[in-house]
Amino acid sequence: MHVTDPAVQLLGMNPIFAAVVGYAAQAGVVSALRRSAYAPLLGRLTAAIIWGCGGVASLTVVGISTAIIVPLALTVLTVVVAMLALAFVSGLIRPAPVTAPLPAGT
């Protein structure tokens, strides 16, 4: 049994299924963390990880070897996570400021 076998069985049937699950996870994370300013970013990151797993599973179903796909996917994931971590630490990414709603009469 390979590491990606459960992902292939779950997400490999149809790439649209992975897209739907990604969007549902994004909505779930955003609604669960709705008070946090980072909720949209974390939701999008969750969806992107699920989409990546669906892409790996779909490529595996097509017949491309996991010996090629998994290292490339892990490299991309590592680079993206490292860049986001550096951006957070250096202060380039900040929460969006919360503005007060406009009065009803304006």
Protein backbone atom coordinates (compact mmCIF):
# COMPACT_ATOMS: atom_id res chain seq x y z
CA MET A 1 0.00 0.00 0.00
CA HIS A 2 1.39 3.38 -1.01
CA VAL A 3 1.04 6.59 0.93
CA THR A 4 -1.30 8.09 -1.66
CA ASP A 5 -3.68 5.11 -1.97
CA PRO A 6 -6.41 6.57 0.31
CA ALA A 7 -6.26 9.89 -1.55
CA VAL A 8 -6.52 8.09 -4.87
CA GLN A 9 -9.51 6.10 -3.68
CA LEU A 10 -11.24 9.15 -2.23
CA LEU A 11 -10.35 11.98 -4.62
CA GLY A 12 -9.15 10.14 -7.71
CA MET A 13 -12.55 9.26 -9.03
CA ASN A 14 -13.32 12.73 -10.25
CA PRO A 15 -11.30 15.95 -10.04
CA ILE A 16 -14.54 17.90 -9.66
CA PHE A 17 -15.10 16.09 -6.36
CA ALA A 18 -11.80 17.47 -5.05
CA ALA A 19 -12.82 20.98 -6.14
CA VAL A 20 -16.18 20.70 -4.37
CA VAL A 21 -14.57 19.36 -1.20
CA GLY A 22 -12.01 22.20 -1.32
CA TYR A 23 -14.66 24.88 -1.63
CA ALA A 24 -16.72 23.27 1.16
CA ALA A 25 -13.67 23.14 3.42
CA GLN A 26 -12.91 26.77 2.63
CA ALA A 27 -16.44 27.80 3.57
CA GLY A 28 -16.27 25.70 6.74
CA VAL A 29 -12.97 27.20 7.89
CA VAL A 30 -14.13 30.75 7.14
CA SER A 31 -17.39 30.27 9.01
CA ALA A 32 -15.66 28.57 11.96
CA LEU A 33 -13.10 31.38 12.26
CA ARG A 34 -15.38 34.24 11.23
CA ARG A 35 -14.18 36.50 14.05
CA SER A 36 -10.54 36.19 12.98
CA ALA A 37 -9.08 38.46 10.35
CA TYR A 38 -7.05 35.52 9.05
CA ALA A 39 -10.14 33.39 8.33
CA PRO A 40 -10.22 33.98 4.53
CA LEU A 41 -6.51 33.29 4.20
CA LEU A 42 -6.67 30.09 6.23
CA GLY A 43 -9.77 28.98 4.34
CA ARG A 44 -8.09 29.53 0.99
CA LEU A 45 -4.97 27.69 2.20
CA THR A 46 -7.09 24.74 3.32
CA ALA A 47 -8.85 24.64 -0.04
CA ALA A 48 -5.54 24.84 -1.91
CA ILE A 49 -4.13 21.89 0.03
CA ILE A 50 -7.21 19.82 -0.75
CA TRP A 51 -7.05 20.83 -4.41
CA GLY A 52 -3.41 19.79 -4.48
CA CYS A 53 -4.27 16.39 -3.01
CA GLY A 54 -7.00 16.01 -5.63
CA GLY A 55 -4.55 16.92 -8.37
CA VAL A 56 -2.04 14.36 -7.15
CA ALA A 57 -4.76 11.73 -6.94
CA SER A 58 -6.04 12.56 -10.43
CA LEU A 59 -2.56 12.37 -11.93
CA THR A 60 -2.05 9.03 -10.20
CA VAL A 61 -5.28 7.71 -11.69
CA VAL A 62 -4.13 8.85 -15.14
CA GLY A 63 -1.02 6.72 -14.71
CA ILE A 64 1.76 9.14 -13.82
CA SER A 65 3.98 7.58 -11.17
CA THR A 66 3.74 8.77 -7.58
CA ALA A 67 7.54 8.72 -7.51
CA ILE A 68 7.36 11.78 -9.77
CA ILE A 69 4.23 13.51 -8.48
CA VAL A 70 4.68 13.41 -4.70
CA PRO A 71 8.18 14.98 -4.51
CA LEU A 72 7.10 17.78 -6.85
CA ALA A 73 3.92 18.42 -4.87
CA LEU A 74 5.83 18.42 -1.58
CA THR A 75 8.40 20.82 -3.00
CA VAL A 76 5.70 23.25 -4.13
CA LEU A 77 3.92 22.96 -0.78
CA THR A 78 7.16 23.56 1.13
CA VAL A 79 8.05 26.63 -0.90
CA VAL A 80 4.59 28.16 -0.55
CA VAL A 81 4.41 27.52 3.20
CA ALA A 82 7.93 28.88 3.73
CA MET A 83 7.11 32.03 1.76
CA LEU A 84 3.90 32.59 3.72
CA ALA A 85 5.70 32.01 7.02
CA LEU A 86 8.39 34.53 6.10
CA ALA A 87 5.76 37.03 5.01
CA PHE A 88 3.91 36.69 8.32
CA VAL A 89 7.09 36.94 10.39
CA SER A 90 8.37 39.96 8.51
CA GLY A 91 5.03 41.75 8.75
CA LEU A 92 4.27 41.85 5.03
CA ILE A 93 0.93 40.10 5.62
CA ARG A 94 -1.31 41.69 8.23
CA PRO A 95 -4.95 41.21 9.10
CA ALA A 96 -7.31 43.45 7.21
CA PRO A 97 -8.47 46.39 9.30
CA VAL A 98 -12.03 46.10 10.52
CA THR A 99 -14.07 49.15 9.58
CA ALA A 100 -17.27 50.29 11.18
CA PRO A 101 -20.40 49.87 9.06
CA LEU A 102 -21.83 53.01 7.48
CA PRO A 103 -24.98 54.52 8.98
CA ALA A 104 -28.21 53.54 7.24
CA GLY A 105 -29.03 57.12 6.16
CA THR A 106 -25.89 57.69 4.03
